[in-house]
Amino acid sequence: MDYKTIVVHIDAHPRRTARLDIALRLAAKTGGHVIGLFATDAVPMPRYAGAEWSTALVEAGEQQMEAACSEAQAVFQAAAAQYPDVSSEWREDGSGALEAVSLSARYADLMIAAQHEPDSDIDSRVGARFAEDLVLSITTPLLLVPYAGRFETLGERVLLAWDSSPQALRAATGALPLLTRARDVQVTVFDADKNPQAHGEMPGADITLFLSRHGVKATVSQQRSVEGDIGCAILSRAADQGTDLIVMGAYGHSRAKERVLGGATRTIFESMTVPVLMCH
């Protein structure tokens, strides 16, 4: 298995170049095809705007989006030109960011998107909860790229946060193209004693054996969190190990028309410092 179709979400934020570079580098390694998908949300109309003002605002918004799309396409084409051996294509979808990206993700091996940047002066044209909603809406592995930092390597030193859940297993399986190429894979079980029935006598042994049959050489360790804060424990362990990729399950549910993330998942979304591959 390899990533033969990689979709990277493109928005109006300049940090899209980091996502593009990661997508193209991965495709160069896996022989994949990169789809740059420009998908944003419509410009909201103020409630006080009358019919005449609404028409003018809509026209102005459409012009801004056309300009942003043209600029993003130029960035994508320039980035793709640096990888002449990688096939790529450009797509635009004005149906709304979440709907458009979710649809394209169905026919991809890997989806790449960005962590939300709080308090940013730059309007990326997607909602603050876009990435959170996306990971709970798709079954395709989602690679989230932090809004800050440089990522010259990806998947050389991997931390697999393991809790024996279906979500974690889907993430591990979805990360196999990266895990099989990694120099170091650390399977880390946090607070295994809190759910002994899920892990068996040797926490992490089963997933390590599973990975070994795919050619992945992994090391197992157990870690304790501080006051049950698994998210912070994952980030701390990743920093200590010099990790350049975290692989983990994503947890959440729908409540009153709003998707709600689990505690550890939310911590990672808010505080990630390296790319994170997640599956729900």
Protein backbone atom coordinates (compact mmCIF):
# COMPACT_ATOMS: atom_id res chain seq x y z
CA MET A 1 0.00 0.00 0.00
CA ASP A 2 1.17 3.50 -0.85
CA TYR A 3 -0.31 6.98 -1.09
CA LYS A 4 -1.27 7.04 -4.76
CA THR A 5 -3.78 9.89 -4.44
CA ILE A 6 -2.94 12.76 -2.09
CA VAL A 7 -5.36 15.66 -1.69
CA VAL A 8 -4.02 18.82 -0.10
CA HIS A 9 -6.45 21.50 0.99
CA ILE A 10 -5.53 24.95 -0.27
CA ASP A 11 -6.95 28.08 1.31
CA ALA A 12 -6.10 31.79 1.31
CA HIS A 13 -3.43 31.53 4.02
CA PRO A 14 0.26 31.91 3.02
CA ARG A 15 1.15 28.89 5.17
CA ARG A 16 -0.40 26.68 2.48
CA THR A 17 3.12 26.37 1.04
CA ALA A 18 4.14 24.14 3.96
CA ARG A 19 1.27 21.76 3.19
CA LEU A 20 2.08 21.77 -0.51
CA ASP A 21 5.72 20.96 0.10
CA ILE A 22 4.82 18.03 2.35
CA ALA A 23 2.29 16.70 -0.18
CA LEU A 24 4.75 16.88 -3.07
CA ARG A 25 7.60 15.33 -1.07
CA LEU A 26 5.37 12.44 -0.04
CA ALA A 27 4.16 11.91 -3.60
CA ALA A 28 7.75 11.86 -4.83
CA LYS A 29 8.47 9.00 -2.39
CA THR A 30 5.30 7.00 -2.98
CA GLY A 31 4.71 7.61 -6.68
CA GLY A 32 1.54 9.46 -5.82
CA HIS A 33 -0.64 11.98 -7.61
CA VAL A 34 -1.21 15.32 -5.85
CA ILE A 35 -4.52 17.17 -6.08
CA GLY A 36 -4.47 20.78 -4.93
CA LEU A 37 -8.02 21.58 -3.84
CA PHE A 38 -8.90 25.24 -3.35
CA ALA A 39 -12.00 25.23 -1.18
CA THR A 40 -13.17 28.05 1.05
CA ASP A 41 -16.35 29.25 2.70
CA ALA A 42 -18.56 31.97 1.30
CA VAL A 43 -18.15 35.51 2.58
CA PRO A 44 -20.82 35.98 5.31
CA MET A 45 -23.33 38.76 4.78
CA PRO A 46 -23.97 41.23 7.64
CA ARG A 47 -27.50 41.06 8.97
CA TYR A 48 -27.95 44.78 8.60
CA ALA A 49 -27.17 44.74 4.89
CA GLY A 50 -30.16 45.55 2.69
CA ALA A 51 -30.81 44.11 -0.76
CA GLU A 52 -28.73 46.74 -2.56
CA TRP A 53 -25.84 46.42 -0.14
CA SER A 54 -26.08 42.63 -0.23
CA THR A 55 -25.66 42.56 -4.00
CA ALA A 56 -22.61 44.80 -3.80
CA LEU A 57 -21.09 42.75 -1.00
CA VAL A 58 -21.66 39.51 -2.87
CA GLU A 59 -19.98 40.90 -5.98
CA ALA A 60 -17.06 42.23 -3.96
CA GLY A 61 -16.74 38.89 -2.16
CA GLU A 62 -16.75 36.98 -5.45
CA GLN A 63 -14.02 39.23 -6.84
CA GLN A 64 -11.91 38.71 -3.74
CA MET A 65 -12.34 34.95 -3.96
CA GLU A 66 -11.42 34.90 -7.64
CA ALA A 67 -8.26 36.85 -6.86
CA ALA A 68 -7.41 34.58 -3.91
CA CYS A 69 -8.01 31.50 -6.04
CA SER A 70 -5.78 32.77 -8.86
CA GLU A 71 -3.02 33.58 -6.39
CA ALA A 72 -3.30 30.15 -4.76
CA GLN A 73 -3.22 28.41 -8.13
CA ALA A 74 -0.04 30.26 -9.06
CA VAL A 75 1.54 29.15 -5.77
CA PHE A 76 0.48 25.55 -6.41
CA GLN A 77 1.84 25.52 -9.95
CA ALA A 78 5.15 27.02 -8.84
CA ALA A 79 5.50 24.41 -6.09
CA ALA A 80 4.58 21.54 -8.42
CA ALA A 81 7.16 22.74 -10.95
CA GLN A 82 9.84 21.94 -8.39
CA TYR A 83 8.82 18.27 -8.62
CA PRO A 84 8.67 17.53 -12.37
CA ASP A 85 8.38 13.78 -11.79
CA VAL A 86 5.25 14.14 -9.63
CA SER A 87 1.89 14.25 -11.39
CA SER A 88 -0.49 16.90 -10.07
CA GLU A 89 -3.69 18.73 -10.81
CA TRP A 90 -5.57 21.79 -9.61
CA ARG A 91 -9.20 21.84 -8.52
CA GLU A 92 -11.59 24.51 -7.30
CA ASP A 93 -14.83 23.98 -5.44
CA GLY A 94 -17.13 26.72 -4.21
CA SER A 95 -19.63 24.52 -2.38
CA GLY A 96 -18.07 25.21 1.01
CA ALA A 97 -14.76 24.08 2.49
CA LEU A 98 -15.95 21.16 4.63
CA GLU A 99 -18.31 19.73 2.02
CA ALA A 100 -15.80 20.01 -0.82
CA VAL A 101 -12.85 18.58 1.07
CA SER A 102 -14.90 15.75 2.58
CA LEU A 103 -16.06 14.71 -0.88
CA SER A 104 -12.57 14.72 -2.37
CA ALA A 105 -11.21 12.82 0.63
CA ARG A 106 -13.42 9.84 -0.21
CA TYR A 107 -11.31 9.15 -3.27
CA ALA A 108 -7.90 9.78 -1.73
CA ASP A 109 -5.36 7.72 0.19
CA LEU A 110 -4.29 10.73 2.25
CA MET A 111 -5.85 14.11 3.04
CA ILE A 112 -3.61 17.01 4.10
CA ALA A 113 -4.98 20.08 5.88
CA ALA A 114 -3.81 22.75 8.31
CA GLN A 115 -4.16 23.35 12.02
CA HIS A 116 -6.24 26.43 12.75
CA GLU A 117 -4.19 29.48 13.68
CA PRO A 118 -5.90 31.37 16.53
CA ASP A 119 -5.81 35.16 16.70
CA SER A 120 -4.45 35.41 13.17
CA ASP A 121 -4.82 38.65 11.23
CA ILE A 122 -4.95 36.64 8.00
CA ASP A 123 -8.33 35.43 6.80
CA SER A 124 -7.84 31.89 5.47
CA ARG A 125 -11.48 31.84 4.31
CA VAL A 126 -12.31 28.72 6.30
CA GLY A 127 -13.95 28.44 9.68
CA ALA A 128 -12.04 28.05 12.94
CA ARG A 129 -13.48 24.55 13.43
CA PHE A 130 -12.80 23.36 9.89
CA ALA A 131 -10.02 20.88 10.73
CA GLU A 132 -11.90 19.55 13.77
CA ASP A 133 -15.05 18.97 11.75
CA LEU A 134 -13.06 17.45 8.91
CA VAL A 135 -11.35 14.74 10.96
CA LEU A 136 -14.71 13.63 12.34
CA SER A 137 -16.35 13.71 8.90
CA ILE A 138 -13.98 11.55 6.84
CA THR A 139 -12.54 8.05 7.04
CA THR A 140 -9.45 8.87 4.98
CA PRO A 141 -6.25 9.39 7.03
CA LEU A 142 -5.86 13.10 7.75
CA LEU A 143 -2.42 14.66 8.03
CA LEU A 144 -2.62 17.93 9.94
CA VAL A 145 0.21 20.43 9.52
CA PRO A 146 0.86 22.92 12.36
CA TYR A 147 0.38 26.59 11.58
CA ALA A 148 3.91 27.37 12.77
CA GLY A 149 7.28 25.74 12.22
CA ARG A 150 9.37 24.23 9.46
CA PHE A 151 9.16 20.52 8.68
CA GLU A 152 12.19 19.47 6.71
CA THR A 153 11.60 15.82 7.58
CA LEU A 154 8.38 13.88 7.93
CA GLY A 155 8.02 10.32 9.11
CA GLU A 156 11.65 9.59 9.91
CA ARG A 157 11.01 9.48 13.67
CA VAL A 158 7.43 8.49 14.40
CA LEU A 159 5.47 8.34 17.63
CA LEU A 160 2.43 6.05 17.48
CA ALA A 161 0.18 6.86 20.44
CA TRP A 162 -1.44 3.50 21.08
CA ASP A 163 -4.54 2.75 23.15
CA SER A 164 -5.89 -0.37 21.36
CA SER A 165 -8.90 1.54 20.02
CA PRO A 166 -10.36 1.15 16.51
CA GLN A 167 -9.42 4.77 15.84
CA ALA A 168 -5.78 4.18 16.73
CA LEU A 169 -5.69 1.04 14.60
CA ARG A 170 -7.12 2.92 11.61
CA ALA A 171 -4.48 5.62 12.11
CA ALA A 172 -1.67 3.04 12.31
CA THR A 173 -2.93 1.30 9.17
CA GLY A 174 -3.34 4.60 7.36
CA ALA A 175 0.21 5.57 8.28
CA LEU A 176 1.82 2.35 6.96
CA PRO A 177 3.37 4.01 3.88
CA LEU A 178 5.21 6.31 6.30
CA LEU A 179 5.91 3.73 9.00
CA THR A 180 7.54 1.30 6.58
CA ARG A 181 9.96 4.05 5.53
CA ALA A 182 10.65 5.42 9.02
CA ARG A 183 14.04 5.14 10.67
CA ASP A 184 12.52 4.97 14.15
CA VAL A 185 8.98 4.05 15.22
CA GLN A 186 8.03 4.37 18.88
CA VAL A 187 4.80 2.67 19.93
CA THR A 188 3.89 4.41 23.16
CA VAL A 189 1.08 3.26 25.44
CA PHE A 190 -0.14 5.86 27.91
CA ASP A 191 -1.75 4.86 31.23
CA ALA A 192 -2.15 1.22 30.17
CA ASP A 193 -3.22 0.22 33.68
CA LYS A 194 -6.43 2.23 33.36
CA ASN A 195 -7.77 -0.15 30.69
CA PRO A 196 -5.90 -3.46 31.10
CA GLN A 197 -8.50 -5.55 29.27
CA ALA A 198 -7.90 -3.60 26.07
CA HIS A 199 -4.15 -4.11 26.10
CA GLY A 200 -3.62 -7.64 27.41
CA GLU A 201 -0.64 -8.79 29.39
CA MET A 202 1.90 -6.86 27.29
CA PRO A 203 0.53 -3.44 26.24
CA GLY A 204 1.61 -2.57 22.73
CA ALA A 205 2.84 -6.08 21.87
CA ASP A 206 -0.04 -6.94 19.50
CA ILE A 207 0.21 -3.77 17.40
CA THR A 208 4.00 -4.10 17.25
CA LEU A 209 3.66 -7.65 15.93
CA PHE A 210 1.06 -6.48 13.43
CA LEU A 211 3.39 -3.74 12.21
CA SER A 212 6.36 -6.11 12.00
CA ARG A 213 4.50 -8.22 9.44
CA HIS A 214 4.42 -5.09 7.28
CA GLY A 215 8.15 -4.60 7.67
CA VAL A 216 7.92 -1.95 10.39
CA LYS A 217 10.50 -2.20 13.16
CA ALA A 218 8.96 -0.58 16.22
CA THR A 219 9.92 -0.18 19.86
CA VAL A 220 7.29 -0.33 22.60
CA SER A 221 7.24 1.76 25.75
CA GLN A 222 4.75 2.69 28.43
CA GLN A 223 4.28 6.18 29.81
CA ARG A 224 2.28 7.74 32.59
CA SER A 225 0.37 10.95 32.06
CA VAL A 226 0.13 13.73 34.61
CA GLU A 227 -3.37 13.77 36.07
CA GLY A 228 -4.71 11.86 33.09
CA ASP A 229 -3.77 14.52 30.52
CA ILE A 230 -2.95 12.20 27.62
CA GLY A 231 -2.72 15.00 25.06
CA CYS A 232 0.04 16.80 26.95
CA ALA A 233 1.78 13.48 27.60
CA ILE A 234 1.85 12.75 23.85
CA LEU A 235 3.31 16.15 23.04
CA SER A 236 5.88 15.88 25.81
CA ARG A 237 6.97 12.42 24.69
CA ALA A 238 7.19 13.58 21.07
CA ALA A 239 9.45 16.48 22.08
CA ASP A 240 11.69 14.22 24.17
CA GLN A 241 12.09 11.74 21.31
CA GLY A 242 12.69 14.32 18.57
CA THR A 243 9.58 13.05 16.79
CA ASP A 244 8.73 14.52 13.38
CA LEU A 245 5.33 12.79 13.07
CA ILE A 246 2.65 11.75 15.56
CA VAL A 247 0.18 9.02 14.61
CA MET A 248 -2.97 8.67 16.71
CA GLY A 249 -6.68 8.08 16.73
CA ALA A 250 -9.08 11.01 16.74
CA TYR A 251 -11.99 10.94 19.15
CA GLY A 252 -15.19 12.91 19.15
CA HIS A 253 -18.94 12.82 18.67
CA SER A 254 -21.85 14.92 17.53
CA ARG A 255 -23.88 16.81 20.09
CA ALA A 256 -26.72 19.19 19.25
CA LYS A 257 -25.50 19.65 15.67
CA GLU A 258 -21.99 20.39 16.88
CA ARG A 259 -19.04 18.03 16.65
CA VAL A 260 -17.20 17.74 19.94
CA LEU A 261 -13.62 16.48 20.22
CA GLY A 262 -12.31 14.28 23.00
CA GLY A 263 -9.89 15.76 25.51
CA ALA A 264 -6.60 14.40 24.15
CA THR A 265 -7.64 15.07 20.56
CA ARG A 266 -8.52 18.67 21.38
CA THR A 267 -5.19 19.21 23.13
CA ILE A 268 -3.34 17.98 20.05
CA PHE A 269 -5.43 20.17 17.76
CA GLU A 270 -4.67 23.23 19.85
CA SER A 271 -1.01 22.62 20.69
CA MET A 272 0.60 20.39 18.03
CA THR A 273 4.19 21.22 17.17
CA VAL A 274 4.80 18.54 14.53
CA PRO A 275 2.51 17.10 11.84
CA VAL A 276 -0.10 14.66 13.15
CA LEU A 277 -1.72 11.84 11.19
CA MET A 278 -5.17 11.06 12.56
CA CYS A 279 -8.09 8.78 11.81
CA HIS A 280 -11.55 8.77 13.38
